[in-house]
Amino acid sequence: MGFLFFCNVDGDGKITESISGERIVPQKQYDYFYFIVGKEYEAFLNDLPKYKVIDGQLTLTHTPI
Protein backbone atom coordinates (compact mmCIF):
# COMPACT_ATOMS: atom_id res chain seq x y z
CA MET A 1 0.00 0.00 0.00
CA GLY A 2 1.17 3.52 -0.66
CA PHE A 3 0.52 6.96 0.69
CA LEU A 4 -0.26 10.42 -0.68
CA PHE A 5 2.25 13.26 -0.70
CA PHE A 6 1.35 16.87 -1.53
CA CYS A 7 3.98 19.61 -1.61
CA ASN A 8 4.88 23.16 -2.53
CA VAL A 9 8.38 23.99 -3.72
CA ASP A 10 10.56 27.07 -4.15
CA GLY A 11 12.23 28.14 -7.40
CA ASP A 12 15.02 25.59 -6.93
CA GLY A 13 12.65 22.67 -6.36
CA LYS A 14 13.26 22.51 -2.61
CA ILE A 15 10.16 21.36 -0.73
CA THR A 16 8.90 24.25 1.37
CA GLU A 17 5.60 22.84 2.62
CA SER A 18 4.03 19.40 2.53
CA ILE A 19 1.39 17.08 3.91
CA SER A 20 1.23 13.31 3.57
CA GLY A 21 -0.68 10.27 4.72
CA GLU A 22 -2.63 7.22 3.62
CA ARG A 23 -6.02 8.93 3.70
CA ILE A 24 -5.48 12.65 3.58
CA VAL A 25 -7.58 15.32 1.94
CA PRO A 26 -5.73 18.62 1.54
CA GLN A 27 -7.54 21.76 2.62
CA LYS A 28 -5.75 23.90 0.02
CA GLN A 29 -4.09 23.67 -3.40
CA TYR A 30 -0.51 22.32 -3.58
CA ASP A 31 1.98 22.60 -6.45
CA TYR A 32 2.59 18.84 -6.71
CA PHE A 33 0.91 15.56 -5.77
CA TYR A 34 2.52 12.11 -5.69
CA PHE A 35 1.35 8.63 -4.78
CA ILE A 36 4.33 7.00 -3.06
CA VAL A 37 4.58 3.21 -3.35
CA GLY A 38 7.41 0.96 -2.21
CA LYS A 39 8.67 3.13 0.64
CA GLU A 40 7.97 2.97 4.33
CA TYR A 41 6.13 6.10 5.46
CA GLU A 42 8.44 6.91 8.39
CA ALA A 43 11.59 6.30 6.32
CA PHE A 44 10.26 8.63 3.61
CA LEU A 45 9.57 11.37 6.16
CA ASN A 46 13.06 10.97 7.63
CA ASP A 47 14.57 11.35 4.15
CA LEU A 48 12.32 14.24 3.12
CA PRO A 49 15.10 16.89 3.43
CA LYS A 50 17.00 14.91 0.76
CA TYR A 51 14.20 15.25 -1.82
CA LYS A 52 13.65 17.96 -4.45
CA VAL A 53 11.18 18.33 -7.29
CA ILE A 54 13.13 18.42 -10.57
CA ASP A 55 11.21 18.73 -13.84
CA GLY A 56 8.03 17.70 -12.03
CA GLN A 57 9.58 14.52 -10.62
CA LEU A 58 10.16 13.89 -6.92
CA THR A 59 13.90 13.18 -6.83
CA LEU A 60 16.16 11.88 -4.07
CA THR A 61 19.30 14.03 -4.12
CA HIS A 62 21.26 11.92 -1.55
CA THR A 63 22.34 15.00 0.37
CA PRO A 64 20.25 17.27 2.59
CA ILE A 65 19.33 20.48 0.82
PDB file of N, CA and C in Angstrom:
ATOM      1  N   MET A   1       0.852  -1.191   0.000  1.00  0.00           N
ATOM      2  CA  MET A   1       0.000   0.000   0.000  1.00  0.00           C
ATOM      3  C   MET A   1       0.881   1.232   0.000  1.00  0.00           C
ATOM      4  N   GLY A   2       0.407   2.286  -0.582  1.00  0.00           N
ATOM      5  CA  GLY A   2       1.169   3.519  -0.659  1.00  0.00           C
ATOM      6  C   GLY A   2       0.534   4.618   0.172  1.00  0.00           C
ATOM      7  N   PHE A   3       1.055   5.813  -0.012  1.00  0.00           N
ATOM      8  CA  PHE A   3       0.516   6.964   0.690  1.00  0.00           C
ATOM      9  C   PHE A   3       0.587   8.178  -0.224  1.00  0.00           C
ATOM     10  N   LEU A   4      -0.175   9.190   0.105  1.00  0.00           N
ATOM     11  CA  LEU A   4      -0.262  10.420  -0.680  1.00  0.00           C
ATOM     12  C   LEU A   4       0.726  11.438  -0.156  1.00  0.00           C
ATOM     13  N   PHE A   5       1.306  12.206  -1.065  1.00  0.00           N
ATOM     14  CA  PHE A   5       2.251  13.258  -0.700  1.00  0.00           C
ATOM     15  C   PHE A   5       1.954  14.492  -1.544  1.00  0.00           C
ATOM     16  N   PHE A   6       1.619  15.594  -0.884  1.00  0.00           N
ATOM     17  CA  PHE A   6       1.346  16.870  -1.531  1.00  0.00           C
ATOM     18  C   PHE A   6       2.426  17.847  -1.085  1.00  0.00           C
ATOM     19  N   CYS A   7       2.933  18.672  -2.022  1.00  0.00           N
ATOM     20  CA  CYS A   7       3.975  19.612  -1.608  1.00  0.00           C
ATOM     21  C   CYS A   7       3.991  20.872  -2.450  1.00  0.00           C
ATOM     22  N   ASN A   8       4.547  21.911  -1.858  1.00  0.00           N
ATOM     23  CA  ASN A   8       4.884  23.155  -2.533  1.00  0.00           C
ATOM     24  C   ASN A   8       6.395  23.246  -2.562  1.00  0.00           C
ATOM     25  N   VAL A   9       6.927  23.876  -3.588  1.00  0.00           N
ATOM     26  CA  VAL A   9       8.378  23.994  -3.721  1.00  0.00           C
ATOM     27  C   VAL A   9       8.761  25.436  -4.029  1.00  0.00           C
ATOM     28  N   ASP A  10      10.050  25.753  -3.781  1.00  0.00           N
ATOM     29  CA  ASP A  10      10.562  27.066  -4.152  1.00  0.00           C
ATOM     30  C   ASP A  10      11.099  27.019  -5.583  1.00  0.00           C
ATOM     31  N   GLY A  11      11.730  28.069  -6.041  1.00  0.00           N
ATOM     32  CA  GLY A  11      12.232  28.145  -7.404  1.00  0.00           C
ATOM     33  C   GLY A  11      13.305  27.133  -7.744  1.00  0.00           C
ATOM     34  N   ASP A  12      13.972  26.596  -6.714  1.00  0.00           N
ATOM     35  CA  ASP A  12      15.024  25.595  -6.926  1.00  0.00           C
ATOM     36  C   ASP A  12      14.512  24.169  -6.786  1.00  0.00           C
ATOM     37  N   GLY A  13      13.216  24.004  -6.513  1.00  0.00           N
ATOM     38  CA  GLY A  13      12.649  22.666  -6.357  1.00  0.00           C
ATOM     39  C   GLY A  13      12.697  22.132  -4.943  1.00  0.00           C
ATOM     40  N   LYS A  14      13.204  22.930  -4.014  1.00  0.00           N
ATOM     41  CA  LYS A  14      13.258  22.507  -2.612  1.00  0.00           C
ATOM     42  C   LYS A  14      11.846  22.523  -2.031  1.00  0.00           C
ATOM     43  N   ILE A  15      11.495  21.469  -1.326  1.00  0.00           N
ATOM     44  CA  ILE A  15      10.165  21.356  -0.727  1.00  0.00           C
ATOM     45  C   ILE A  15      10.057  22.336   0.432  1.00  0.00           C
ATOM     46  N   THR A  16       9.078  23.222   0.350  1.00  0.00           N
ATOM     47  CA  THR A  16       8.904  24.250   1.373  1.00  0.00           C
ATOM     48  C   THR A  16       7.737  23.962   2.306  1.00  0.00           C
ATOM     49  N   GLU A  17       6.792  23.161   1.823  1.00  0.00           N
ATOM     50  CA  GLU A  17       5.601  22.839   2.620  1.00  0.00           C
ATOM     51  C   GLU A  17       5.043  21.532   2.089  1.00  0.00           C
ATOM     52  N   SER A  18       4.583  20.665   3.000  1.00  0.00           N
ATOM     53  CA  SER A  18       4.027  19.396   2.530  1.00  0.00           C
ATOM     54  C   SER A  18       3.082  18.801   3.560  1.00  0.00           C
ATOM     55  N   ILE A  19       2.217  17.927   3.065  1.00  0.00           N
ATOM     56  CA  ILE A  19       1.393  17.075   3.911  1.00  0.00           C
ATOM     57  C   ILE A  19       1.399  15.692   3.273  1.00  0.00           C
ATOM     58  N   SER A  20       1.222  14.676   4.095  1.00  0.00           N
ATOM     59  CA  SER A  20       1.229  13.313   3.566  1.00  0.00           C
ATOM     60  C   SER A  20       0.448  12.394   4.483  1.00  0.00           C
ATOM     61  N   GLY A  21       0.041  11.270   3.945  1.00  0.00           N
ATOM     62  CA  GLY A  21      -0.675  10.274   4.718  1.00  0.00           C
ATOM     63  C   GLY A  21      -1.406   9.303   3.811  1.00  0.00           C
ATOM     64  N   GLU A  22      -1.910   8.233   4.398  1.00  0.00           N
ATOM     65  CA  GLU A  22      -2.626   7.225   3.620  1.00  0.00           C
ATOM     66  C   GLU A  22      -3.989   7.715   3.167  1.00  0.00           C
ATOM     67  N   ARG A  23      -4.659   8.444   4.021  1.00  0.00           N
ATOM     68  CA  ARG A  23      -6.017   8.931   3.704  1.00  0.00           C
ATOM     69  C   ARG A  23      -6.130  10.396   4.063  1.00  0.00           C
ATOM     70  N   ILE A  24      -5.500  11.221   3.277  1.00  0.00           N
ATOM     71  CA  ILE A  24      -5.476  12.652   3.585  1.00  0.00           C
ATOM     72  C   ILE A  24      -6.197  13.419   2.485  1.00  0.00           C
ATOM     73  N   VAL A  25      -6.906  14.441   2.885  1.00  0.00           N
ATOM     74  CA  VAL A  25      -7.581  15.324   1.943  1.00  0.00           C
ATOM     75  C   VAL A  25      -7.057  16.729   2.222  1.00  0.00           C
ATOM     76  N   PRO A  26      -6.293  17.285   1.299  1.00  0.00           N
ATOM     77  CA  PRO A  26      -5.729  18.621   1.542  1.00  0.00           C
ATOM     78  C   PRO A  26      -6.823  19.682   1.617  1.00  0.00           C
ATOM     79  N   GLN A  27      -6.584  20.676   2.441  1.00  0.00           N
ATOM     80  CA  GLN A  27      -7.538  21.761   2.618  1.00  0.00           C
ATOM     81  C   GLN A  27      -7.201  22.961   1.757  1.00  0.00           C
ATOM     82  N   LYS A  28      -6.135  22.832   0.928  1.00  0.00           N
ATOM     83  CA  LYS A  28      -5.750  23.900   0.016  1.00  0.00           C
ATOM     84  C   LYS A  28      -5.060  23.287  -1.190  1.00  0.00           C
ATOM     85  N   GLN A  29      -4.756  24.117  -2.177  1.00  0.00           N
ATOM     86  CA  GLN A  29      -4.088  23.667  -3.396  1.00  0.00           C
ATOM     87  C   GLN A  29      -2.577  23.569  -3.156  1.00  0.00           C
ATOM     88  N   TYR A  30      -1.964  22.495  -3.650  1.00  0.00           N
ATOM     89  CA  TYR A  30      -0.512  22.319  -3.582  1.00  0.00           C
ATOM     90  C   TYR A  30       0.055  22.271  -4.998  1.00  0.00           C
ATOM     91  N   ASP A  31       1.332  22.597  -5.131  1.00  0.00           N
ATOM     92  CA  ASP A  31       1.984  22.600  -6.445  1.00  0.00           C
ATOM     93  C   ASP A  31       2.061  21.201  -7.045  1.00  0.00           C
ATOM     94  N   TYR A  32       2.355  20.197  -6.212  1.00  0.00           N
ATOM     95  CA  TYR A  32       2.589  18.838  -6.706  1.00  0.00           C
ATOM     96  C   TYR A  32       1.893  17.808  -5.830  1.00  0.00           C
ATOM     97  N   PHE A  33       1.545  16.688  -6.456  1.00  0.00           N
ATOM     98  CA  PHE A  33       0.915  15.555  -5.773  1.00  0.00           C
ATOM     99  C   PHE A  33       1.583  14.281  -6.273  1.00  0.00           C
ATOM    100  N   TYR A  34       1.915  13.392  -5.334  1.00  0.00           N
ATOM    101  CA  TYR A  34       2.518  12.107  -5.690  1.00  0.00           C
ATOM    102  C   TYR A  34       1.869  10.994  -4.876  1.00  0.00           C
ATOM    103  N   PHE A  35       1.761   9.835  -5.484  1.00  0.00           N
ATOM    104  CA  PHE A  35       1.350   8.627  -4.776  1.00  0.00           C
ATOM    105  C   PHE A  35       2.617   7.801  -4.603  1.00  0.00           C
ATOM    106  N   ILE A  36       3.067   7.656  -3.362  1.00  0.00           N
ATOM    107  CA  ILE A  36       4.334   6.999  -3.056  1.00  0.00           C
ATOM    108  C   ILE A  36       4.076   5.525  -2.755  1.00  0.00           C
ATOM    109  N   VAL A  37       4.708   4.661  -3.522  1.00  0.00           N
ATOM    110  CA  VAL A  37       4.582   3.213  -3.350  1.00  0.00           C
ATOM    111  C   VAL A  37       5.985   2.637  -3.199  1.00  0.00           C
ATOM    112  N   GLY A  38       6.125   1.641  -2.344  1.00  0.00           N
ATOM    113  CA  GLY A  38       7.406   0.960  -2.208  1.00  0.00           C
ATOM    114  C   GLY A  38       8.334   1.579  -1.190  1.00  0.00           C
ATOM    115  N   LYS A  39       7.860   2.534  -0.424  1.00  0.00           N
ATOM    116  CA  LYS A  39       8.671   3.134   0.636  1.00  0.00           C
ATOM    117  C   LYS A  39       7.878   3.099   1.929  1.00  0.00           C
ATOM    118  N   GLU A  40       8.591   2.880   3.013  1.00  0.00           N
ATOM    119  CA  GLU A  40       7.969   2.971   4.330  1.00  0.00           C
ATOM    120  C   GLU A  40       7.702   4.446   4.643  1.00  0.00           C
ATOM    121  N   TYR A  41       6.549   4.728   5.189  1.00  0.00           N
ATOM    122  CA  TYR A  41       6.128   6.103   5.458  1.00  0.00           C
ATOM    123  C   TYR A  41       7.134   6.839   6.338  1.00  0.00           C
ATOM    124  N   GLU A  42       7.512   6.247   7.459  1.00  0.00           N
ATOM    125  CA  GLU A  42       8.438   6.909   8.391  1.00  0.00           C
ATOM    126  C   GLU A  42       9.805   7.124   7.753  1.00  0.00           C
ATOM    127  N   ALA A  43      10.290   6.157   6.987  1.00  0.00           N
ATOM    128  CA  ALA A  43      11.588   6.295   6.317  1.00  0.00           C
ATOM    129  C   ALA A  43      11.530   7.434   5.297  1.00  0.00           C
ATOM    130  N   PHE A  44      10.422   7.543   4.570  1.00  0.00           N
ATOM    131  CA  PHE A  44      10.259   8.631   3.612  1.00  0.00           C
ATOM    132  C   PHE A  44      10.300   9.975   4.325  1.00  0.00           C
ATOM    133  N   LEU A  45       9.581  10.110   5.426  1.00  0.00           N
ATOM    134  CA  LEU A  45       9.574  11.375   6.164  1.00  0.00           C
ATOM    135  C   LEU A  45      10.960  11.717   6.695  1.00  0.00           C
ATOM    136  N   ASN A  46      11.705  10.719   7.150  1.00  0.00           N
ATOM    137  CA  ASN A  46      13.063  10.967   7.631  1.00  0.00           C
ATOM    138  C   ASN A  46      13.977  11.456   6.512  1.00  0.00           C
ATOM    139  N   ASP A  47      13.751  10.963   5.300  1.00  0.00           N
ATOM    140  CA  ASP A  47      14.570  11.347   4.149  1.00  0.00           C
ATOM    141  C   ASP A  47      14.046  12.576   3.414  1.00  0.00           C
ATOM    142  N   LEU A  48      12.940  13.133   3.838  1.00  0.00           N
ATOM    143  CA  LEU A  48      12.317  14.239   3.118  1.00  0.00           C
ATOM    144  C   LEU A  48      13.265  15.413   2.834  1.00  0.00           C
ATOM    145  N   PRO A  49      14.166  15.788   3.752  1.00  0.00           N
ATOM    146  CA  PRO A  49      15.100  16.885   3.433  1.00  0.00           C
ATOM    147  C   PRO A  49      16.032  16.563   2.259  1.00  0.00           C
ATOM    148  N   LYS A  50      16.138  15.311   1.874  1.00  0.00           N
ATOM    149  CA  LYS A  50      17.003  14.915   0.762  1.00  0.00           C
ATOM    150  C   LYS A  50      16.282  14.938  -0.587  1.00  0.00           C
ATOM    151  N   TYR A  51      14.987  15.254  -0.590  1.00  0.00           N
ATOM    152  CA  TYR A  51      14.202  15.252  -1.823  1.00  0.00           C
ATOM    153  C   TYR A  51      14.036  16.657  -2.385  1.00  0.00           C
ATOM    154  N   LYS A  52      13.980  16.736  -3.715  1.00  0.00           N
ATOM    155  CA  LYS A  52      13.646  17.959  -4.450  1.00  0.00           C
ATOM    156  C   LYS A  52      12.696  17.566  -5.570  1.00  0.00           C
ATOM    157  N   VAL A  53      11.988  18.544  -6.104  1.00  0.00           N
ATOM    158  CA  VAL A  53      11.181  18.329  -7.293  1.00  0.00           C
ATOM    159  C   VAL A  53      11.971  18.904  -8.468  1.00  0.00           C
ATOM    160  N   ILE A  54      12.354  18.025  -9.394  1.00  0.00           N
ATOM    161  CA  ILE A  54      13.131  18.415 -10.567  1.00  0.00           C
ATOM    162  C   ILE A  54      12.335  18.008 -11.805  1.00  0.00           C
ATOM    163  N   ASP A  55      12.013  18.975 -12.639  1.00  0.00           N
ATOM    164  CA  ASP A  55      11.207  18.734 -13.843  1.00  0.00           C
ATOM    165  C   ASP A  55       9.927  17.969 -13.527  1.00  0.00           C
ATOM    166  N   GLY A  56       9.291  18.320 -12.413  1.00  0.00           N
ATOM    167  CA  GLY A  56       8.027  17.700 -12.026  1.00  0.00           C
ATOM    168  C   GLY A  56       8.143  16.351 -11.352  1.00  0.00           C
ATOM    169  N   GLN A  57       9.355  15.831 -11.229  1.00  0.00           N
ATOM    170  CA  GLN A  57       9.582  14.519 -10.620  1.00  0.00           C
ATOM    171  C   GLN A  57      10.152  14.676  -9.215  1.00  0.00           C
ATOM    172  N   LEU A  58       9.626  13.921  -8.279  1.00  0.00           N
ATOM    173  CA  LEU A  58      10.159  13.886  -6.924  1.00  0.00           C
ATOM    174  C   LEU A  58      11.465  13.098  -6.969  1.00  0.00           C
ATOM    175  N   THR A  59      12.577  13.746  -6.629  1.00  0.00           N
ATOM    176  CA  THR A  59      13.898  13.176  -6.835  1.00  0.00           C
ATOM    177  C   THR A  59      14.697  13.159  -5.542  1.00  0.00           C
ATOM    178  N   LEU A  60      15.276  12.010  -5.226  1.00  0.00           N
ATOM    179  CA  LEU A  60      16.157  11.877  -4.066  1.00  0.00           C
ATOM    180  C   LEU A  60      17.528  12.397  -4.466  1.00  0.00           C
ATOM    181  N   THR A  61      18.030  13.399  -3.750  1.00  0.00           N
ATOM    182  CA  THR A  61      19.304  14.030  -4.116  1.00  0.00           C
ATOM    183  C   THR A  61      20.487  13.443  -3.360  1.00  0.00           C
ATOM    184  N   HIS A  62      20.246  12.610  -2.360  1.00  0.00           N
ATOM    185  CA  HIS A  62      21.255  11.919  -1.554  1.00  0.00           C
ATOM    186  C   HIS A  62      21.986  12.832  -0.571  1.00  0.00           C
ATOM    187  N   THR A  63      21.753  14.123  -0.620  1.00  0.00           N
ATOM    188  CA  THR A  63      22.342  15.002   0.366  1.00  0.00           C
ATOM    189  C   THR A  63      21.271  15.981   0.822  1.00  0.00           C
ATOM    190  N   PRO A  64      21.247  16.307   2.113  1.00  0.00           N
ATOM    191  CA  PRO A  64      20.251  17.273   2.589  1.00  0.00           C
ATOM    192  C   PRO A  64      20.419  18.603   1.870  1.00  0.00           C
ATOM    193  N   ILE A  65      19.320  19.202   1.548  1.00  0.00           N
ATOM    194  CA  ILE A  65      19.327  20.482   0.820  1.00  0.00           C
ATOM    195  C   ILE A  65      19.438  21.616   1.824  1.00  0.00           C
TER     196      ILE A  65
END
